[in-house]
PDB file of N, CA and C in Angstrom:
ATOM      1  N   UNK A   1     -23.036   1.610  -8.483  1.00  0.00           N
ATOM      2  CA  UNK A   1     -21.922   1.881  -7.595  1.00  0.00           C
ATOM      3  C   UNK A   1     -21.854   3.387  -7.340  1.00  0.00           C
ATOM      4  N   UNK A   2     -21.850   3.826  -6.061  1.00  0.00           N
ATOM      5  CA  UNK A   2     -21.825   5.258  -5.775  1.00  0.00           C
ATOM      6  C   UNK A   2     -20.490   5.883  -6.177  1.00  0.00           C
ATOM      7  N   UNK A   3     -20.573   7.106  -6.664  1.00  0.00           N
ATOM      8  CA  UNK A   3     -19.379   7.821  -7.089  1.00  0.00           C
ATOM      9  C   UNK A   3     -18.640   8.346  -5.857  1.00  0.00           C
ATOM     10  N   UNK A   4     -17.324   8.112  -5.816  1.00  0.00           N
ATOM     11  CA  UNK A   4     -16.516   8.570  -4.692  1.00  0.00           C
ATOM     12  C   UNK A   4     -16.211  10.057  -4.851  1.00  0.00           C
ATOM     13  N   UNK A   5     -16.069  10.788  -3.731  1.00  0.00           N
ATOM     14  CA  UNK A   5     -15.703  12.202  -3.836  1.00  0.00           C
ATOM     15  C   UNK A   5     -14.270  12.333  -4.354  1.00  0.00           C
ATOM     16  N   UNK A   6     -13.905  13.494  -4.899  1.00  0.00           N
ATOM     17  CA  UNK A   6     -12.543  13.689  -5.378  1.00  0.00           C
ATOM     18  C   UNK A   6     -11.539  13.498  -4.244  1.00  0.00           C
ATOM     19  N   UNK A   7     -10.330  13.052  -4.583  1.00  0.00           N
ATOM     20  CA  UNK A   7      -9.316  12.802  -3.557  1.00  0.00           C
ATOM     21  C   UNK A   7      -8.873  14.092  -2.882  1.00  0.00           C
ATOM     22  N   UNK A   8      -8.790  15.196  -3.630  1.00  0.00           N
ATOM     23  CA  UNK A   8      -8.329  16.465  -3.077  1.00  0.00           C
ATOM     24  C   UNK A   8      -9.477  17.440  -2.939  1.00  0.00           C
ATOM     25  N   UNK A   9      -9.419  18.248  -1.864  1.00  0.00           N
ATOM     26  CA  UNK A   9     -10.401  19.303  -1.674  1.00  0.00           C
ATOM     27  C   UNK A   9      -9.674  20.619  -1.442  1.00  0.00           C
ATOM     28  N   UNK A  10     -10.249  21.702  -1.945  1.00  0.00           N
ATOM     29  CA  UNK A  10      -9.684  23.037  -1.745  1.00  0.00           C
ATOM     30  C   UNK A  10     -10.158  23.525  -0.387  1.00  0.00           C
ATOM     31  N   UNK A  11      -9.192  23.841   0.500  1.00  0.00           N
ATOM     32  CA  UNK A  11      -9.587  24.335   1.826  1.00  0.00           C
ATOM     33  C   UNK A  11      -9.316  25.829   1.986  1.00  0.00           C
ATOM     34  N   UNK A  12      -8.573  26.418   1.025  1.00  0.00           N
ATOM     35  CA  UNK A  12      -8.352  27.869   1.021  1.00  0.00           C
ATOM     36  C   UNK A  12      -8.008  28.283  -0.393  1.00  0.00           C
ATOM     37  N   UNK A  13      -8.461  29.467  -0.808  1.00  0.00           N
ATOM     38  CA  UNK A  13      -8.189  29.947  -2.154  1.00  0.00           C
ATOM     39  C   UNK A  13      -8.103  31.464  -2.158  1.00  0.00           C
ATOM     40  N   UNK A  14      -7.093  31.978  -2.863  1.00  0.00           N
ATOM     41  CA  UNK A  14      -6.935  33.419  -3.080  1.00  0.00           C
ATOM     42  C   UNK A  14      -6.554  33.613  -4.536  1.00  0.00           C
ATOM     43  N   UNK A  15      -7.093  34.649  -5.178  1.00  0.00           N
ATOM     44  CA  UNK A  15      -6.719  34.885  -6.566  1.00  0.00           C
ATOM     45  C   UNK A  15      -6.908  36.342  -6.941  1.00  0.00           C
ATOM     46  N   UNK A  16      -6.203  36.725  -8.000  1.00  0.00           N
ATOM     47  CA  UNK A  16      -6.395  38.026  -8.621  1.00  0.00           C
ATOM     48  C   UNK A  16      -6.313  37.820 -10.125  1.00  0.00           C
ATOM     49  N   UNK A  17      -6.123  38.868 -10.877  1.00  0.00           N
ATOM     50  CA  UNK A  17      -6.131  38.747 -12.338  1.00  0.00           C
ATOM     51  C   UNK A  17      -5.001  37.855 -12.841  1.00  0.00           C
ATOM     52  N   UNK A  18      -3.822  37.916 -12.222  1.00  0.00           N
ATOM     53  CA  UNK A  18      -2.655  37.194 -12.733  1.00  0.00           C
ATOM     54  C   UNK A  18      -2.316  35.901 -12.004  1.00  0.00           C
ATOM     55  N   UNK A  19      -2.669  35.790 -10.734  1.00  0.00           N
ATOM     56  CA  UNK A  19      -2.226  34.635  -9.965  1.00  0.00           C
ATOM     57  C   UNK A  19      -3.379  33.988  -9.183  1.00  0.00           C
ATOM     58  N   UNK A  20      -3.152  32.738  -8.827  1.00  0.00           N
ATOM     59  CA  UNK A  20      -4.099  31.998  -8.008  1.00  0.00           C
ATOM     60  C   UNK A  20      -3.291  31.149  -7.027  1.00  0.00           C
ATOM     61  N   UNK A  21      -3.652  31.202  -5.751  1.00  0.00           N
ATOM     62  CA  UNK A  21      -2.991  30.396  -4.735  1.00  0.00           C
ATOM     63  C   UNK A  21      -4.055  29.608  -3.986  1.00  0.00           C
ATOM     64  N   UNK A  22      -3.813  28.293  -3.841  1.00  0.00           N
ATOM     65  CA  UNK A  22      -4.774  27.422  -3.166  1.00  0.00           C
ATOM     66  C   UNK A  22      -4.054  26.502  -2.202  1.00  0.00           C
ATOM     67  N   UNK A  23      -4.772  26.106  -1.166  1.00  0.00           N
ATOM     68  CA  UNK A  23      -4.300  25.042  -0.296  1.00  0.00           C
ATOM     69  C   UNK A  23      -5.251  23.875  -0.512  1.00  0.00           C
ATOM     70  N   UNK A  24      -4.667  22.745  -0.913  1.00  0.00           N
ATOM     71  CA  UNK A  24      -5.443  21.527  -1.143  1.00  0.00           C
ATOM     72  C   UNK A  24      -5.174  20.543  -0.018  1.00  0.00           C
ATOM     73  N   UNK A  25      -6.176  19.766   0.341  1.00  0.00           N
ATOM     74  CA  UNK A  25      -5.994  18.714   1.338  1.00  0.00           C
ATOM     75  C   UNK A  25      -6.318  17.370   0.696  1.00  0.00           C
ATOM     76  N   UNK A  26      -5.422  16.422   0.905  1.00  0.00           N
ATOM     77  CA  UNK A  26      -5.628  15.059   0.439  1.00  0.00           C
ATOM     78  C   UNK A  26      -6.618  14.414   1.399  1.00  0.00           C
ATOM     79  N   UNK A  27      -7.756  14.008   0.920  1.00  0.00           N
ATOM     80  CA  UNK A  27      -8.799  13.440   1.774  1.00  0.00           C
ATOM     81  C   UNK A  27      -8.394  12.114   2.404  1.00  0.00           C
ATOM     82  N   UNK A  28      -7.428  11.412   1.810  1.00  0.00           N
ATOM     83  CA  UNK A  28      -7.018  10.115   2.346  1.00  0.00           C
ATOM     84  C   UNK A  28      -5.928  10.226   3.399  1.00  0.00           C
ATOM     85  N   UNK A  29      -4.986  11.153   3.224  1.00  0.00           N
ATOM     86  CA  UNK A  29      -3.849  11.243   4.142  1.00  0.00           C
ATOM     87  C   UNK A  29      -3.904  12.455   5.061  1.00  0.00           C
ATOM     88  N   UNK A  30      -4.679  13.476   4.714  1.00  0.00           N
ATOM     89  CA  UNK A  30      -4.740  14.705   5.490  1.00  0.00           C
ATOM     90  C   UNK A  30      -3.610  15.676   5.190  1.00  0.00           C
ATOM     91  N   UNK A  31      -2.689  15.308   4.306  1.00  0.00           N
ATOM     92  CA  UNK A  31      -1.556  16.170   3.963  1.00  0.00           C
ATOM     93  C   UNK A  31      -2.067  17.358   3.152  1.00  0.00           C
ATOM     94  N   UNK A  32      -1.553  18.562   3.479  1.00  0.00           N
ATOM     95  CA  UNK A  32      -1.931  19.779   2.766  1.00  0.00           C
ATOM     96  C   UNK A  32      -0.842  20.171   1.778  1.00  0.00           C
ATOM     97  N   UNK A  33      -1.266  20.709   0.641  1.00  0.00           N
ATOM     98  CA  UNK A  33      -0.352  21.139  -0.423  1.00  0.00           C
ATOM     99  C   UNK A  33      -0.646  22.584  -0.789  1.00  0.00           C
ATOM    100  N   UNK A  34       0.407  23.354  -1.060  1.00  0.00           N
ATOM    101  CA  UNK A  34       0.292  24.724  -1.530  1.00  0.00           C
ATOM    102  C   UNK A  34       0.451  24.697  -3.040  1.00  0.00           C
ATOM    103  N   UNK A  35      -0.515  25.265  -3.745  1.00  0.00           N
ATOM    104  CA  UNK A  35      -0.480  25.317  -5.207  1.00  0.00           C
ATOM    105  C   UNK A  35      -0.556  26.779  -5.620  1.00  0.00           C
ATOM    106  N   UNK A  36       0.434  27.218  -6.415  1.00  0.00           N
ATOM    107  CA  UNK A  36       0.456  28.606  -6.887  1.00  0.00           C
ATOM    108  C   UNK A  36       0.528  28.597  -8.403  1.00  0.00           C
ATOM    109  N   UNK A  37      -0.385  29.324  -9.031  1.00  0.00           N
ATOM    110  CA  UNK A  37      -0.425  29.390 -10.491  1.00  0.00           C
ATOM    111  C   UNK A  37      -0.321  30.836 -10.934  1.00  0.00           C
ATOM    112  N   UNK A  38       0.567  31.084 -11.895  1.00  0.00           N
ATOM    113  CA  UNK A  38       0.747  32.402 -12.481  1.00  0.00           C
ATOM    114  C   UNK A  38       0.456  32.260 -13.966  1.00  0.00           C
ATOM    115  N   UNK A  39      -0.380  33.142 -14.486  1.00  0.00           N
ATOM    116  CA  UNK A  39      -0.784  33.029 -15.891  1.00  0.00           C
ATOM    117  C   UNK A  39       0.390  33.081 -16.861  1.00  0.00           C
ATOM    118  N   UNK A  40       1.487  33.760 -16.503  1.00  0.00           N
ATOM    119  CA  UNK A  40       2.596  33.887 -17.440  1.00  0.00           C
ATOM    120  C   UNK A  40       3.724  32.889 -17.201  1.00  0.00           C
ATOM    121  N   UNK A  41       3.847  32.323 -15.994  1.00  0.00           N
ATOM    122  CA  UNK A  41       4.982  31.439 -15.719  1.00  0.00           C
ATOM    123  C   UNK A  41       4.615  29.994 -15.412  1.00  0.00           C
ATOM    124  N   UNK A  42       3.383  29.690 -15.157  1.00  0.00           N
ATOM    125  CA  UNK A  42       2.995  28.303 -14.929  1.00  0.00           C
ATOM    126  C   UNK A  42       2.495  28.022 -13.527  1.00  0.00           C
ATOM    127  N   UNK A  43       2.697  26.773 -13.095  1.00  0.00           N
ATOM    128  CA  UNK A  43       2.126  26.295 -11.845  1.00  0.00           C
ATOM    129  C   UNK A  43       3.207  25.627 -11.001  1.00  0.00           C
ATOM    130  N   UNK A  44       3.114  25.813  -9.679  1.00  0.00           N
ATOM    131  CA  UNK A  44       4.030  25.147  -8.743  1.00  0.00           C
ATOM    132  C   UNK A  44       3.196  24.535  -7.625  1.00  0.00           C
ATOM    133  N   UNK A  45       3.642  23.361  -7.159  1.00  0.00           N
ATOM    134  CA  UNK A  45       2.942  22.664  -6.084  1.00  0.00           C
ATOM    135  C   UNK A  45       3.970  22.080  -5.134  1.00  0.00           C
ATOM    136  N   UNK A  46       3.729  22.232  -3.820  1.00  0.00           N
ATOM    137  CA  UNK A  46       4.646  21.711  -2.814  1.00  0.00           C
ATOM    138  C   UNK A  46       3.855  21.367  -1.560  1.00  0.00           C
ATOM    139  N   UNK A  47       4.329  20.420  -0.768  1.00  0.00           N
ATOM    140  CA  UNK A  47       3.658  20.187   0.508  1.00  0.00           C
ATOM    141  C   UNK A  47       3.715  21.457   1.363  1.00  0.00           C
ATOM    142  N   UNK A  48       2.670  21.736   2.095  1.00  0.00           N
ATOM    143  CA  UNK A  48       2.630  22.879   2.993  1.00  0.00           C
ATOM    144  C   UNK A  48       3.387  22.515   4.265  1.00  0.00           C
ATOM    145  N   UNK A  49       4.327  23.378   4.679  1.00  0.00           N
ATOM    146  CA  UNK A  49       5.164  23.093   5.838  1.00  0.00           C
ATOM    147  C   UNK A  49       4.784  23.977   7.016  1.00  0.00           C
ATOM    148  N   UNK A  50       4.974  23.435   8.235  1.00  0.00           N
ATOM    149  CA  UNK A  50       4.726  24.221   9.442  1.00  0.00           C
ATOM    150  C   UNK A  50       5.994  24.991   9.822  1.00  0.00           C
ATOM    151  N   UNK A  51       5.980  25.656  10.959  1.00  0.00           N
ATOM    152  CA  UNK A  51       7.084  26.520  11.371  1.00  0.00           C
ATOM    153  C   UNK A  51       8.397  25.786  11.606  1.00  0.00           C
ATOM    154  N   UNK A  52       8.362  24.505  11.905  1.00  0.00           N
ATOM    155  CA  UNK A  52       9.592  23.756  12.154  1.00  0.00           C
ATOM    156  C   UNK A  52       9.980  22.869  10.969  1.00  0.00           C
ATOM    157  N   UNK A  53       9.306  23.024   9.841  1.00  0.00           N
ATOM    158  CA  UNK A  53       9.670  22.299   8.632  1.00  0.00           C
ATOM    159  C   UNK A  53       8.966  20.984   8.415  1.00  0.00           C
ATOM    160  N   UNK A  54       8.003  20.662   9.267  1.00  0.00           N
ATOM    161  CA  UNK A  54       7.241  19.431   9.092  1.00  0.00           C
ATOM    162  C   UNK A  54       6.054  19.647   8.172  1.00  0.00           C
ATOM    163  N   UNK A  55       5.577  18.587   7.575  1.00  0.00           N
ATOM    164  CA  UNK A  55       4.419  18.651   6.679  1.00  0.00           C
ATOM    165  C   UNK A  55       3.156  18.905   7.497  1.00  0.00           C
ATOM    166  N   UNK A  56       2.310  19.816   7.014  1.00  0.00           N
ATOM    167  CA  UNK A  56       1.040  20.104   7.681  1.00  0.00           C
ATOM    168  C   UNK A  56       0.048  18.992   7.361  1.00  0.00           C
ATOM    169  N   UNK A  57      -0.458  18.353   8.407  1.00  0.00           N
ATOM    170  CA  UNK A  57      -1.482  17.313   8.269  1.00  0.00           C
ATOM    171  C   UNK A  57      -2.669  17.748   9.114  1.00  0.00           C
ATOM    172  N   UNK A  58      -3.809  17.879   8.480  1.00  0.00           N
ATOM    173  CA  UNK A  58      -5.002  18.331   9.192  1.00  0.00           C
ATOM    174  C   UNK A  58      -5.891  17.141   9.496  1.00  0.00           C
ATOM    175  N   UNK A  59      -6.813  17.347  10.390  1.00  0.00           N
ATOM    176  CA  UNK A  59      -7.734  16.283  10.761  1.00  0.00           C
ATOM    177  C   UNK A  59      -8.544  15.792   9.583  1.00  0.00           C
ATOM    178  N   UNK A  60      -8.796  14.532   9.565  1.00  0.00           N
ATOM    179  CA  UNK A  60      -9.585  13.935   8.511  1.00  0.00           C
ATOM    180  C   UNK A  60     -10.997  13.652   9.020  1.00  0.00           C
ATOM    181  N   UNK A  61     -11.997  13.819   8.159  1.00  0.00           N
ATOM    182  CA  UNK A  61     -13.338  13.457   8.610  1.00  0.00           C
ATOM    183  C   UNK A  61     -13.413  11.949   8.820  1.00  0.00           C
ATOM    184  N   UNK A  62     -14.266  11.537   9.741  1.00  0.00           N
ATOM    185  CA  UNK A  62     -14.420  10.104   9.992  1.00  0.00           C
ATOM    186  C   UNK A  62     -15.074   9.451   8.787  1.00  0.00           C
ATOM    187  N   UNK A  63     -14.573   8.273   8.449  1.00  0.00           N
ATOM    188  CA  UNK A  63     -15.154   7.527   7.335  1.00  0.00           C
ATOM    189  C   UNK A  63     -16.362   6.752   7.824  1.00  0.00           C
ATOM    190  N   UNK A  64     -17.371   6.693   7.002  1.00  0.00           N
ATOM    191  CA  UNK A  64     -18.603   5.987   7.371  1.00  0.00           C
ATOM    192  C   UNK A  64     -18.680   4.683   6.664  1.00  0.00           C
TER     193      UNK A  64
END
């Protein structure tokens, strides 16, 4: 049985010594999430919102 790809993919990443910020995309729904991690305070994750407060949904690759 072929192994399925991970459900989430990193589509953007920025980091420095103390913090890391990533945008993840759900491969099944196209919904994007903002994930911010700070070495001293922990991790936070939230849906990425557009300018009018809606959830950012990006195009999904066609399934074969």
